Amino acid sequence: MTEQLLSWYRARSQREQYMVLGGGVAVLLAFAYFLIVPLSDALASAKARHADAVIALGETQVRVDAVKQMQADRAAPLEGPFESVIRARANDAGFALTNVTPQGSDRVAIAIASARPGALIGWIAGLESSGVLIDQLATTDNGDRTVAVQMTVKAQGQ
């Protein structure tokens, strides 16, 4: 087969041989182009998919870390009946409760006649960090740098 092709090529004039060689080179260049360009596009596409996957992995790891942190920060179960816990914590913070109304086993409405706003906010933050959530809060200015408070608290997860 190669001898027949070689004898056919040698039977051509020099000008035809140059044209056949030029056509062969053009076919090889076209073949190489259509082989290499799709491969480079595929490589670029793979790099882009890899970058997207790395970003998604990082975002997922951040979310997993946030969930782990939330689980670590989860408040301990309350000790005793909810109403008693709220009374004790208000007493420990120096607040005199004027009204305590249980609203089920997991919710209590309380009233404080006079509280300094800074101390009140600190006490509320302490309650929330220990698993007690503020459901409703209403304050009224007493005119003497204190506020009257009406609030409903509930146990976290209830």
C-alpha atoms as a PDB file:
ATOM      1  CA  MET A   1       0.000   0.000   0.000  1.00  0.00           C
ATOM      2  CA  THR A   2       2.742   2.468   0.900  1.00  0.00           C
ATOM      3  CA  GLU A   3       4.721   1.485  -2.190  1.00  0.00           C
ATOM      4  CA  GLN A   4       1.703   2.177  -4.392  1.00  0.00           C
ATOM      5  CA  LEU A   5       1.207   5.546  -2.699  1.00  0.00           C
ATOM      6  CA  LEU A   6       4.902   6.380  -3.050  1.00  0.00           C
ATOM      7  CA  SER A   7       4.966   5.389  -6.742  1.00  0.00           C
ATOM      8  CA  TRP A   8       1.793   7.444  -7.333  1.00  0.00           C
ATOM      9  CA  TYR A   9       3.474  10.443  -5.614  1.00  0.00           C
ATOM     10  CA  ARG A  10       6.687  10.073  -7.649  1.00  0.00           C
ATOM     11  CA  ALA A  11       4.674   9.882 -10.867  1.00  0.00           C
ATOM     12  CA  ARG A  12       3.452  13.439 -10.274  1.00  0.00           C
ATOM     13  CA  SER A  13       5.283  16.502 -11.504  1.00  0.00           C
ATOM     14  CA  GLN A  14       7.296  18.537  -9.009  1.00  0.00           C
ATOM     15  CA  ARG A  15       4.599  21.206  -8.925  1.00  0.00           C
ATOM     16  CA  GLU A  16       1.895  18.570  -8.137  1.00  0.00           C
ATOM     17  CA  GLN A  17       4.136  17.036  -5.447  1.00  0.00           C
ATOM     18  CA  TYR A  18       4.382  20.466  -3.743  1.00  0.00           C
ATOM     19  CA  MET A  19       0.612  20.884  -3.947  1.00  0.00           C
ATOM     20  CA  VAL A  20       0.016  17.393  -2.459  1.00  0.00           C
ATOM     21  CA  LEU A  21       2.515  18.140   0.339  1.00  0.00           C
ATOM     22  CA  GLY A  22       0.865  21.526   0.988  1.00  0.00           C
ATOM     23  CA  GLY A  23      -2.580  19.912   1.111  1.00  0.00           C
ATOM     24  CA  GLY A  24      -1.295  17.239   3.486  1.00  0.00           C
ATOM     25  CA  VAL A  25       0.205  19.885   5.774  1.00  0.00           C
ATOM     26  CA  ALA A  26      -3.061  21.857   5.679  1.00  0.00           C
ATOM     27  CA  VAL A  27      -5.038  18.711   6.605  1.00  0.00           C
ATOM     28  CA  LEU A  28      -2.623  17.939   9.453  1.00  0.00           C
ATOM     29  CA  LEU A  29      -2.856  21.533  10.762  1.00  0.00           C
ATOM     30  CA  ALA A  30      -6.643  21.468  10.596  1.00  0.00           C
ATOM     31  CA  PHE A  31      -6.728  18.115  12.371  1.00  0.00           C
ATOM     32  CA  ALA A  32      -4.347  19.362  15.076  1.00  0.00           C
ATOM     33  CA  TYR A  33      -6.397  22.540  15.523  1.00  0.00           C
ATOM     34  CA  PHE A  34      -9.672  20.680  15.892  1.00  0.00           C
ATOM     35  CA  LEU A  35      -8.031  18.262  18.319  1.00  0.00           C
ATOM     36  CA  ILE A  36      -6.212  20.801  20.517  1.00  0.00           C
ATOM     37  CA  VAL A  37      -8.836  23.589  20.775  1.00  0.00           C
ATOM     38  CA  PRO A  38     -11.593  21.349  22.189  1.00  0.00           C
ATOM     39  CA  LEU A  39      -9.101  19.897  24.657  1.00  0.00           C
ATOM     40  CA  SER A  40      -8.089  23.357  25.863  1.00  0.00           C
ATOM     41  CA  ASP A  41     -11.779  24.325  26.185  1.00  0.00           C
ATOM     42  CA  ALA A  42     -12.405  21.148  28.155  1.00  0.00           C
ATOM     43  CA  LEU A  43      -9.426  21.962  30.400  1.00  0.00           C
ATOM     44  CA  ALA A  44     -10.713  25.500  31.013  1.00  0.00           C
ATOM     45  CA  SER A  45     -14.171  24.115  31.769  1.00  0.00           C
ATOM     46  CA  ALA A  46     -12.703  21.577  34.200  1.00  0.00           C
ATOM     47  CA  LYS A  47     -10.725  24.328  35.943  1.00  0.00           C
ATOM     48  CA  ALA A  48     -13.893  26.440  36.301  1.00  0.00           C
ATOM     49  CA  ARG A  49     -15.852  23.471  37.695  1.00  0.00           C
ATOM     50  CA  HIS A  50     -13.007  22.781  40.129  1.00  0.00           C
ATOM     51  CA  ALA A  51     -13.001  26.401  41.314  1.00  0.00           C
ATOM     52  CA  ASP A  52     -16.784  26.276  41.824  1.00  0.00           C
ATOM     53  CA  ALA A  53     -16.450  23.023  43.752  1.00  0.00           C
ATOM     54  CA  VAL A  54     -13.737  24.499  45.999  1.00  0.00           C
ATOM     55  CA  ILE A  55     -15.962  27.500  46.759  1.00  0.00           C
ATOM     56  CA  ALA A  56     -18.950  25.250  47.487  1.00  0.00           C
ATOM     57  CA  LEU A  57     -16.794  23.102  49.774  1.00  0.00           C
ATOM     58  CA  GLY A  58     -15.610  26.183  51.672  1.00  0.00           C
ATOM     59  CA  GLU A  59     -19.168  27.465  52.096  1.00  0.00           C
ATOM     60  CA  THR A  60     -20.310  24.041  53.296  1.00  0.00           C
ATOM     61  CA  GLN A  61     -17.460  23.857  55.795  1.00  0.00           C
ATOM     62  CA  VAL A  62     -18.411  27.289  57.149  1.00  0.00           C
ATOM     63  CA  ARG A  63     -22.021  26.138  57.566  1.00  0.00           C
ATOM     64  CA  VAL A  64     -20.934  22.911  59.279  1.00  0.00           C
ATOM     65  CA  ASP A  65     -18.709  24.898  61.636  1.00  0.00           C
ATOM     66  CA  ALA A  66     -21.620  27.250  62.403  1.00  0.00           C
ATOM     67  CA  VAL A  67     -23.892  24.307  63.229  1.00  0.00           C
ATOM     68  CA  LYS A  68     -21.198  22.763  65.436  1.00  0.00           C
ATOM     69  CA  GLN A  69     -20.759  26.106  67.209  1.00  0.00           C
ATOM     70  CA  MET A  70     -24.514  26.392  67.736  1.00  0.00           C
ATOM     71  CA  GLN A  71     -24.577  22.888  69.171  1.00  0.00           C
ATOM     72  CA  ALA A  72     -21.670  23.726  71.473  1.00  0.00           C
ATOM     73  CA  ASP A  73     -23.370  26.949  72.582  1.00  0.00           C
ATOM     74  CA  ARG A  74     -26.682  25.206  73.235  1.00  0.00           C
ATOM     75  CA  ALA A  75     -27.984  26.121  76.637  1.00  0.00           C
ATOM     76  CA  ALA A  76     -28.119  23.573  79.396  1.00  0.00           C
ATOM     77  CA  PRO A  77     -31.563  22.390  80.476  1.00  0.00           C
ATOM     78  CA  LEU A  78     -33.208  24.614  83.060  1.00  0.00           C
ATOM     79  CA  GLU A  79     -33.025  23.468  86.646  1.00  0.00           C
ATOM     80  CA  GLY A  80     -36.472  23.202  88.188  1.00  0.00           C
ATOM     81  CA  PRO A  81     -39.866  24.611  87.169  1.00  0.00           C
ATOM     82  CA  PHE A  82     -39.656  27.462  84.670  1.00  0.00           C
ATOM     83  CA  GLU A  83     -41.493  29.955  86.888  1.00  0.00           C
ATOM     84  CA  SER A  84     -39.105  29.289  89.776  1.00  0.00           C
ATOM     85  CA  VAL A  85     -36.080  29.654  87.529  1.00  0.00           C
ATOM     86  CA  ILE A  86     -37.279  33.063  86.305  1.00  0.00           C
ATOM     87  CA  ARG A  87     -38.014  34.259  89.861  1.00  0.00           C
ATOM     88  CA  ALA A  88     -34.578  33.141  91.042  1.00  0.00           C
ATOM     89  CA  ARG A  89     -32.747  34.766  88.140  1.00  0.00           C
ATOM     90  CA  ALA A  90     -34.631  38.044  88.547  1.00  0.00           C
ATOM     91  CA  ASN A  91     -33.875  38.005  92.271  1.00  0.00           C
ATOM     92  CA  ASP A  92     -30.175  37.261  91.591  1.00  0.00           C
ATOM     93  CA  ALA A  93     -30.047  40.218  89.175  1.00  0.00           C
ATOM     94  CA  GLY A  94     -31.692  42.518  91.745  1.00  0.00           C
ATOM     95  CA  PHE A  95     -35.063  42.934  90.024  1.00  0.00           C
ATOM     96  CA  ALA A  96     -38.236  42.924  92.096  1.00  0.00           C
ATOM     97  CA  LEU A  97     -40.946  41.153  90.130  1.00  0.00           C
ATOM     98  CA  THR A  98     -44.336  42.780  90.718  1.00  0.00           C
ATOM     99  CA  ASN A  99     -46.259  40.171  88.777  1.00  0.00           C
ATOM    100  CA  VAL A 100     -45.476  36.593  87.706  1.00  0.00           C
ATOM    101  CA  THR A 101     -48.122  34.798  85.664  1.00  0.00           C
ATOM    102  CA  PRO A 102     -47.360  31.299  84.374  1.00  0.00           C
ATOM    103  CA  GLN A 103     -48.768  30.654  80.903  1.00  0.00           C
ATOM    104  CA  GLY A 104     -48.242  26.926  80.676  1.00  0.00           C
ATOM    105  CA  SER A 105     -45.180  24.965  81.674  1.00  0.00           C
ATOM    106  CA  ASP A 106     -42.831  26.741  79.280  1.00  0.00           C
ATOM    107  CA  ARG A 107     -43.942  30.395  79.318  1.00  0.00           C
ATOM    108  CA  VAL A 108     -44.182  33.077  82.022  1.00  0.00           C
ATOM    109  CA  ALA A 109     -45.421  36.686  81.874  1.00  0.00           C
ATOM    110  CA  ILE A 110     -43.591  38.968  84.302  1.00  0.00           C
ATOM    111  CA  ALA A 111     -43.720  42.628  85.292  1.00  0.00           C
ATOM    112  CA  ILE A 112     -41.001  44.778  86.829  1.00  0.00           C
ATOM    113  CA  ALA A 113     -42.019  48.164  88.232  1.00  0.00           C
ATOM    114  CA  SER A 114     -38.589  49.805  88.041  1.00  0.00           C
ATOM    115  CA  ALA A 115     -35.378  48.756  86.324  1.00  0.00           C
ATOM    116  CA  ARG A 116     -32.350  50.548  84.948  1.00  0.00           C
ATOM    117  CA  PRO A 117     -32.266  49.991  81.169  1.00  0.00           C
ATOM    118  CA  GLY A 118     -28.606  48.912  81.073  1.00  0.00           C
ATOM    119  CA  ALA A 119     -29.058  46.365  83.831  1.00  0.00           C
ATOM    120  CA  LEU A 120     -32.278  45.111  82.225  1.00  0.00           C
ATOM    121  CA  ILE A 121     -30.613  44.545  78.836  1.00  0.00           C
ATOM    122  CA  GLY A 122     -27.706  42.744  80.523  1.00  0.00           C
ATOM    123  CA  TRP A 123     -30.121  40.490  82.419  1.00  0.00           C
ATOM    124  CA  ILE A 124     -32.067  39.742  79.217  1.00  0.00           C
ATOM    125  CA  ALA A 125     -28.824  38.833  77.413  1.00  0.00           C
ATOM    126  CA  GLY A 126     -27.914  36.517  80.284  1.00  0.00           C
ATOM    127  CA  LEU A 127     -31.336  34.877  80.116  1.00  0.00           C
ATOM    128  CA  GLU A 128     -31.044  34.285  76.382  1.00  0.00           C
ATOM    129  CA  SER A 129     -27.566  32.815  76.686  1.00  0.00           C
ATOM    130  CA  SER A 130     -28.882  30.318  79.219  1.00  0.00           C
ATOM    131  CA  GLY A 131     -31.811  29.072  77.158  1.00  0.00           C
ATOM    132  CA  VAL A 132     -34.590  31.527  78.042  1.00  0.00           C
ATOM    133  CA  LEU A 133     -36.043  33.462  75.122  1.00  0.00           C
ATOM    134  CA  ILE A 134     -37.863  36.776  75.280  1.00  0.00           C
ATOM    135  CA  ASP A 135     -41.195  36.327  73.526  1.00  0.00           C
ATOM    136  CA  GLN A 136     -42.626  39.807  74.143  1.00  0.00           C
ATOM    137  CA  LEU A 137     -41.124  42.909  75.719  1.00  0.00           C
ATOM    138  CA  ALA A 138     -42.709  46.285  76.466  1.00  0.00           C
ATOM    139  CA  THR A 139     -41.038  49.070  78.416  1.00  0.00           C
ATOM    140  CA  THR A 140     -42.418  52.353  79.712  1.00  0.00           C
ATOM    141  CA  ASP A 141     -40.265  55.266  80.828  1.00  0.00           C
ATOM    142  CA  ASN A 142     -40.806  56.043  84.522  1.00  0.00           C
ATOM    143  CA  GLY A 143     -39.310  59.541  84.205  1.00  0.00           C
ATOM    144  CA  ASP A 144     -36.533  58.833  86.723  1.00  0.00           C
ATOM    145  CA  ARG A 145     -34.031  57.059  84.441  1.00  0.00           C
ATOM    146  CA  THR A 146     -35.771  53.741  85.002  1.00  0.00           C
ATOM    147  CA  VAL A 147     -38.316  51.799  83.010  1.00  0.00           C
ATOM    148  CA  ALA A 148     -41.328  49.686  83.868  1.00  0.00           C
ATOM    149  CA  VAL A 149     -41.222  46.318  82.076  1.00  0.00           C
ATOM    150  CA  GLN A 150     -43.885  43.909  80.876  1.00  0.00           C
ATOM    151  CA  MET A 151     -42.418  40.817  79.253  1.00  0.00           C
ATOM    152  CA  THR A 152     -43.166  37.246  78.383  1.00  0.00           C
ATOM    153  CA  VAL A 153     -40.354  34.724  78.469  1.00  0.00           C
ATOM    154  CA  LYS A 154     -40.320  31.149  77.242  1.00  0.00           C
ATOM    155  CA  ALA A 155     -37.983  28.218  77.415  1.00  0.00           C
ATOM    156  CA  GLN A 156     -35.818  27.759  74.327  1.00  0.00           C
ATOM    157  CA  GLY A 157     -37.056  25.109  71.920  1.00  0.00           C
ATOM    158  CA  GLN A 158     -40.629  25.335  73.118  1.00  0.00           C
END
